[in-house]
C-alpha atoms as a PDB file:
ATOM      1  CA  MET A   1     -45.965 -15.080  35.514  1.00  0.00           C
ATOM      2  CA  THR A   2     -49.534 -15.347  34.300  1.00  0.00           C
ATOM      3  CA  LYS A   3     -49.331 -11.897  32.673  1.00  0.00           C
ATOM      4  CA  LEU A   4     -46.219 -12.930  30.767  1.00  0.00           C
ATOM      5  CA  PHE A   5     -47.828 -16.150  29.595  1.00  0.00           C
ATOM      6  CA  LEU A   6     -50.929 -14.261  28.399  1.00  0.00           C
ATOM      7  CA  LYS A   7     -48.757 -11.744  26.579  1.00  0.00           C
ATOM      8  CA  ILE A   8     -46.976 -14.580  24.778  1.00  0.00           C
ATOM      9  CA  LEU A   9     -50.286 -16.108  23.747  1.00  0.00           C
ATOM     10  CA  LYS A  10     -51.558 -12.734  22.437  1.00  0.00           C
ATOM     11  CA  THR A  11     -48.459 -12.127  20.316  1.00  0.00           C
ATOM     12  CA  PRO A  12     -49.336 -12.527  16.628  1.00  0.00           C
ATOM     13  CA  LYS A  13     -47.670 -15.485  14.966  1.00  0.00           C
ATOM     14  CA  ASN A  14     -47.972 -14.281  11.389  1.00  0.00           C
ATOM     15  CA  ILE A  15     -45.110 -11.777  11.499  1.00  0.00           C
ATOM     16  CA  VAL A  16     -43.338 -11.572   8.159  1.00  0.00           C
ATOM     17  CA  VAL A  17     -39.604 -10.875   8.217  1.00  0.00           C
ATOM     18  CA  LEU A  18     -38.469  -9.185   5.036  1.00  0.00           C
ATOM     19  CA  PRO A  19     -34.967  -9.764   3.680  1.00  0.00           C
ATOM     20  CA  ILE A  20     -32.590  -6.807   3.516  1.00  0.00           C
ATOM     21  CA  PRO A  21     -32.511  -5.355  -0.025  1.00  0.00           C
ATOM     22  CA  GLU A  22     -29.117  -5.690  -1.733  1.00  0.00           C
ATOM     23  CA  GLU A  23     -28.613  -1.901  -1.935  1.00  0.00           C
ATOM     24  CA  LYS A  24     -29.233  -1.528   1.830  1.00  0.00           C
ATOM     25  CA  LYS A  25     -26.610  -4.050   2.959  1.00  0.00           C
ATOM     26  CA  SER A  26     -23.814  -2.395   4.894  1.00  0.00           C
ATOM     27  CA  GLU A  27     -20.142  -2.852   4.200  1.00  0.00           C
ATOM     28  CA  VAL A  28     -19.875  -4.964   7.366  1.00  0.00           C
ATOM     29  CA  PHE A  29     -22.651  -7.277   6.174  1.00  0.00           C
ATOM     30  CA  VAL A  30     -21.087  -7.760   2.728  1.00  0.00           C
ATOM     31  CA  LEU A  31     -17.650  -8.372   4.240  1.00  0.00           C
ATOM     32  CA  GLY A  32     -19.165 -10.723   6.811  1.00  0.00           C
ATOM     33  CA  GLU A  33     -20.908 -12.810   4.151  1.00  0.00           C
ATOM     34  CA  LYS A  34     -17.569 -13.293   2.358  1.00  0.00           C
ATOM     35  CA  ILE A  35     -15.935 -14.264   5.655  1.00  0.00           C
ATOM     36  CA  GLN A  36     -18.776 -16.690   6.378  1.00  0.00           C
ATOM     37  CA  ASP A  37     -18.322 -18.397   3.001  1.00  0.00           C
ATOM     38  CA  ASN A  38     -14.592 -18.861   3.647  1.00  0.00           C
ATOM     39  CA  VAL A  39     -15.163 -20.047   7.218  1.00  0.00           C
ATOM     40  CA  LYS A  40     -17.639 -22.669   5.984  1.00  0.00           C
ATOM     41  CA  ARG A  41     -15.221 -23.794   3.284  1.00  0.00           C
ATOM     42  CA  LEU A  42     -12.124 -23.977   5.502  1.00  0.00           C
ATOM     43  CA  PHE A  43     -13.500 -24.915   8.915  1.00  0.00           C
ATOM     44  CA  GLY A  44     -16.777 -26.634   8.146  1.00  0.00           C
ATOM     45  CA  GLY A  45     -19.006 -24.043   9.788  1.00  0.00           C
ATOM     46  CA  SER A  46     -17.292 -21.936  12.426  1.00  0.00           C
ATOM     47  CA  LEU A  47     -13.931 -20.399  13.225  1.00  0.00           C
ATOM     48  CA  ALA A  48     -12.913 -20.537  16.889  1.00  0.00           C
ATOM     49  CA  ILE A  49     -10.543 -17.760  17.947  1.00  0.00           C
ATOM     50  CA  ARG A  50      -8.612 -17.593  21.214  1.00  0.00           C
ATOM     51  CA  GLN A  51      -7.434 -14.072  21.993  1.00  0.00           C
ATOM     52  CA  VAL A  52      -4.241 -13.890  24.045  1.00  0.00           C
ATOM     53  CA  ASP A  53      -3.122 -10.665  25.719  1.00  0.00           C
ATOM     54  CA  ALA A  54       0.655 -10.923  25.873  1.00  0.00           C
ATOM     55  CA  GLY A  55       1.081  -7.613  27.717  1.00  0.00           C
ATOM     56  CA  SER A  56      -0.780  -4.962  25.777  1.00  0.00           C
ATOM     57  CA  ASP A  57      -2.236  -1.606  26.787  1.00  0.00           C
ATOM     58  CA  ASN A  58      -5.783  -2.999  26.207  1.00  0.00           C
ATOM     59  CA  ALA A  59      -6.496  -0.935  23.082  1.00  0.00           C
ATOM     60  CA  CYS A  60      -6.480  -3.911  20.701  1.00  0.00           C
ATOM     61  CA  GLU A  61      -8.595  -5.956  23.108  1.00  0.00           C
ATOM     62  CA  GLN A  62     -11.278  -3.274  23.064  1.00  0.00           C
ATOM     63  CA  GLU A  63     -11.367  -3.399  19.267  1.00  0.00           C
ATOM     64  CA  LEU A  64     -11.621  -7.210  19.316  1.00  0.00           C
ATOM     65  CA  VAL A  65     -14.440  -6.996  21.884  1.00  0.00           C
ATOM     66  CA  ALA A  66     -16.200  -4.517  19.586  1.00  0.00           C
ATOM     67  CA  LEU A  67     -16.436  -7.304  16.995  1.00  0.00           C
ATOM     68  CA  SER A  68     -18.996  -8.963  19.259  1.00  0.00           C
ATOM     69  CA  ASN A  69     -21.204  -5.903  19.734  1.00  0.00           C
ATOM     70  CA  ALA A  70     -24.549  -5.466  17.966  1.00  0.00           C
ATOM     71  CA  PHE A  71     -23.083  -3.482  15.057  1.00  0.00           C
ATOM     72  CA  TYR A  72     -20.434  -5.987  13.922  1.00  0.00           C
ATOM     73  CA  ASP A  73     -21.854  -9.173  15.519  1.00  0.00           C
ATOM     74  CA  VAL A  74     -19.259 -11.575  14.078  1.00  0.00           C
ATOM     75  CA  GLU A  75     -21.055 -14.531  15.664  1.00  0.00           C
ATOM     76  CA  ARG A  76     -23.606 -14.406  12.828  1.00  0.00           C
ATOM     77  CA  PHE A  77     -20.756 -15.016  10.364  1.00  0.00           C
ATOM     78  CA  GLY A  78     -19.490 -18.111  12.165  1.00  0.00           C
ATOM     79  CA  ILE A  79     -16.673 -16.516  14.175  1.00  0.00           C
ATOM     80  CA  HIS A  80     -16.567 -17.418  17.857  1.00  0.00           C
ATOM     81  CA  PHE A  81     -14.186 -16.317  20.581  1.00  0.00           C
ATOM     82  CA  VAL A  82     -13.388 -19.249  22.857  1.00  0.00           C
ATOM     83  CA  ALA A  83     -12.004 -19.404  26.389  1.00  0.00           C
ATOM     84  CA  SER A  84      -9.543 -22.239  25.842  1.00  0.00           C
ATOM     85  CA  PRO A  85      -6.775 -22.602  23.259  1.00  0.00           C
ATOM     86  CA  LYS A  86      -7.668 -26.318  23.139  1.00  0.00           C
ATOM     87  CA  HIS A  87     -10.868 -25.357  21.293  1.00  0.00           C
ATOM     88  CA  ALA A  88      -9.280 -22.750  18.990  1.00  0.00           C
ATOM     89  CA  ASP A  89      -8.437 -22.766  15.305  1.00  0.00           C
ATOM     90  CA  MET A  90      -6.744 -19.387  15.493  1.00  0.00           C
ATOM     91  CA  LEU A  91      -4.745 -17.479  18.100  1.00  0.00           C
ATOM     92  CA  MET A  92      -5.010 -13.685  17.969  1.00  0.00           C
ATOM     93  CA  VAL A  93      -2.215 -12.237  20.073  1.00  0.00           C
ATOM     94  CA  THR A  94      -2.200  -8.606  21.176  1.00  0.00           C
ATOM     95  CA  GLY A  95       0.528  -6.495  22.691  1.00  0.00           C
ATOM     96  CA  PRO A  96       4.283  -6.872  22.886  1.00  0.00           C
ATOM     97  CA  VAL A  97       5.249 -10.043  24.697  1.00  0.00           C
ATOM     98  CA  THR A  98       6.243  -9.128  28.226  1.00  0.00           C
ATOM     99  CA  ARG A  99       8.812 -11.301  29.958  1.00  0.00           C
ATOM    100  CA  ASN A 100       6.252 -12.639  32.427  1.00  0.00           C
ATOM    101  CA  MET A 101       3.766 -13.575  29.641  1.00  0.00           C
ATOM    102  CA  ALA A 102       6.211 -15.396  27.350  1.00  0.00           C
ATOM    103  CA  GLU A 103       5.701 -18.806  28.977  1.00  0.00           C
ATOM    104  CA  ALA A 104       1.908 -18.393  29.065  1.00  0.00           C
ATOM    105  CA  LEU A 105       1.914 -17.539  25.339  1.00  0.00           C
ATOM    106  CA  ARG A 106       4.080 -20.588  24.565  1.00  0.00           C
ATOM    107  CA  ARG A 107       1.686 -22.815  26.504  1.00  0.00           C
ATOM    108  CA  ALA A 108      -1.355 -21.371  24.729  1.00  0.00           C
ATOM    109  CA  TYR A 109       0.367 -21.958  21.389  1.00  0.00           C
ATOM    110  CA  GLU A 110       1.245 -25.553  22.286  1.00  0.00           C
ATOM    111  CA  ALA A 111      -2.295 -26.241  23.547  1.00  0.00           C
ATOM    112  CA  THR A 112      -3.861 -25.066  20.289  1.00  0.00           C
ATOM    113  CA  PRO A 113      -4.463 -28.060  18.003  1.00  0.00           C
ATOM    114  CA  ASN A 114      -2.845 -28.248  14.576  1.00  0.00           C
ATOM    115  CA  PRO A 115      -3.332 -26.822  12.034  1.00  0.00           C
ATOM    116  CA  LYS A 116      -3.336 -23.503  13.845  1.00  0.00           C
ATOM    117  CA  ILE A 117      -3.173 -19.951  12.602  1.00  0.00           C
ATOM    118  CA  VAL A 118      -1.357 -17.322  14.676  1.00  0.00           C
ATOM    119  CA  VAL A 119      -2.197 -13.671  14.044  1.00  0.00           C
ATOM    120  CA  ALA A 120      -0.378 -10.731  15.647  1.00  0.00           C
ATOM    121  CA  VAL A 121      -2.949  -7.958  16.137  1.00  0.00           C
ATOM    122  CA  GLY A 122      -1.613  -4.410  16.295  1.00  0.00           C
ATOM    123  CA  ASP A 123       1.791  -2.814  15.884  1.00  0.00           C
ATOM    124  CA  ASP A 124       2.839  -3.815  19.393  1.00  0.00           C
ATOM    125  CA  ALA A 125       2.276  -7.498  18.648  1.00  0.00           C
ATOM    126  CA  ILE A 126       3.920  -7.297  15.231  1.00  0.00           C
ATOM    127  CA  HIS A 127       7.204  -5.641  16.202  1.00  0.00           C
ATOM    128  CA  GLY A 128       6.926  -4.346  19.765  1.00  0.00           C
ATOM    129  CA  GLY A 129       5.542  -0.916  18.856  1.00  0.00           C
ATOM    130  CA  ILE A 130       6.531   1.892  21.190  1.00  0.00           C
ATOM    131  CA  PHE A 131       7.649  -0.692  23.756  1.00  0.00           C
ATOM    132  CA  ARG A 132      10.278  -2.169  21.417  1.00  0.00           C
ATOM    133  CA  GLY A 133      13.640  -2.564  23.075  1.00  0.00           C
ATOM    134  CA  SER A 134      12.307  -2.074  26.598  1.00  0.00           C
ATOM    135  CA  TYR A 135      13.834  -4.218  29.330  1.00  0.00           C
ATOM    136  CA  ALA A 136      10.354  -5.512  30.218  1.00  0.00           C
ATOM    137  CA  VAL A 137       9.338  -6.894  26.806  1.00  0.00           C
ATOM    138  CA  LEU A 138      10.627  -9.422  24.301  1.00  0.00           C
ATOM    139  CA  ASP A 139       9.264  -7.261  21.433  1.00  0.00           C
ATOM    140  CA  GLY A 140       6.914  -8.864  18.892  1.00  0.00           C
ATOM    141  CA  VAL A 141       5.039 -12.145  19.180  1.00  0.00           C
ATOM    142  CA  ASP A 142       7.329 -13.791  16.623  1.00  0.00           C
ATOM    143  CA  THR A 143      10.164 -13.793  19.173  1.00  0.00           C
ATOM    144  CA  VAL A 144       8.206 -16.374  21.217  1.00  0.00           C
ATOM    145  CA  VAL A 145       5.934 -18.318  18.818  1.00  0.00           C
ATOM    146  CA  PRO A 146       5.704 -18.557  15.014  1.00  0.00           C
ATOM    147  CA  VAL A 147       3.390 -15.910  13.533  1.00  0.00           C
ATOM    148  CA  HIS A 148       1.570 -16.490  10.265  1.00  0.00           C
ATOM    149  CA  TYR A 149      -0.117 -13.111   9.754  1.00  0.00           C
ATOM    150  CA  GLY A 150      -0.110  -9.602  11.180  1.00  0.00           C
ATOM    151  CA  ILE A 151      -2.860  -6.980  11.348  1.00  0.00           C
ATOM    152  CA  PRO A 152      -1.235  -3.530  11.519  1.00  0.00           C
ATOM    153  CA  GLY A 153      -2.627  -0.571  13.421  1.00  0.00           C
ATOM    154  CA  ASP A 154      -2.350   1.092  16.771  1.00  0.00           C
ATOM    155  CA  PRO A 155      -4.954  -0.247  17.435  1.00  0.00           C
ATOM    156  CA  PRO A 156      -6.569  -1.597  14.257  1.00  0.00           C
ATOM    157  CA  SER A 157     -10.273  -0.776  13.990  1.00  0.00           C
ATOM    158  CA  PRO A 158     -12.840  -3.594  14.003  1.00  0.00           C
ATOM    159  CA  MET A 159     -13.391  -3.026  10.279  1.00  0.00           C
ATOM    160  CA  THR A 160      -9.639  -3.322   9.641  1.00  0.00           C
ATOM    161  CA  ILE A 161      -9.565  -6.545  11.650  1.00  0.00           C
ATOM    162  CA  LEU A 162     -12.485  -7.960   9.632  1.00  0.00           C
ATOM    163  CA  THR A 163     -10.885  -6.933   6.326  1.00  0.00           C
ATOM    164  CA  HIS A 164      -7.600  -8.593   7.252  1.00  0.00           C
ATOM    165  CA  LEU A 165      -9.403 -11.642   8.582  1.00  0.00           C
ATOM    166  CA  LEU A 166     -11.062 -12.063   5.178  1.00  0.00           C
ATOM    167  CA  ARG A 167      -7.662 -11.762   3.460  1.00  0.00           C
ATOM    168  CA  ILE A 168      -6.175 -14.318   5.865  1.00  0.00           C
ATOM    169  CA  LEU A 169      -8.996 -16.769   5.178  1.00  0.00           C
ATOM    170  CA  GLU A 170      -8.683 -16.249   1.415  1.00  0.00           C
ATOM    171  CA  MET A 171      -4.908 -16.848   1.499  1.00  0.00           C
ATOM    172  CA  HIS A 172      -5.101 -19.768   3.925  1.00  0.00           C
ATOM    173  CA  VAL A 173      -5.771 -22.969   2.077  1.00  0.00           C
END
């Protein structure tokens, strides 16, 4: 403990952090800044998203989780994934709605405060994908709850999700 304390005291305090030059900003950073501006305008600071798996194969969930990794880091742009629909502004639903998840999806939708935005993420959530017409699924999310927007792909990449999220925020007034 003493060694750690001494190391902290020896650390120089005059470290200068240089801003990133405009030409060095990545596409993610530029897109994220636009998203952040819209999030501040529409939600007063942060956008809370509740992700609901309605019976997917986990591919879309992995892409949504990738949004929180060090490369994309959507938290810095004011986007937060929350554990409860009661704290959410947006529901992102993945997968075709299986019969046993229909009631859970309805409850999550009802628990989300108004005004809420519902986004179907991936082809399975939009229209059932390869599972369409199966006895075990009710097809797309729109068969159970109203859907405002869809993000196509099987699965959509994190960059595709961010691009569509920006479009959704720009269209949503």
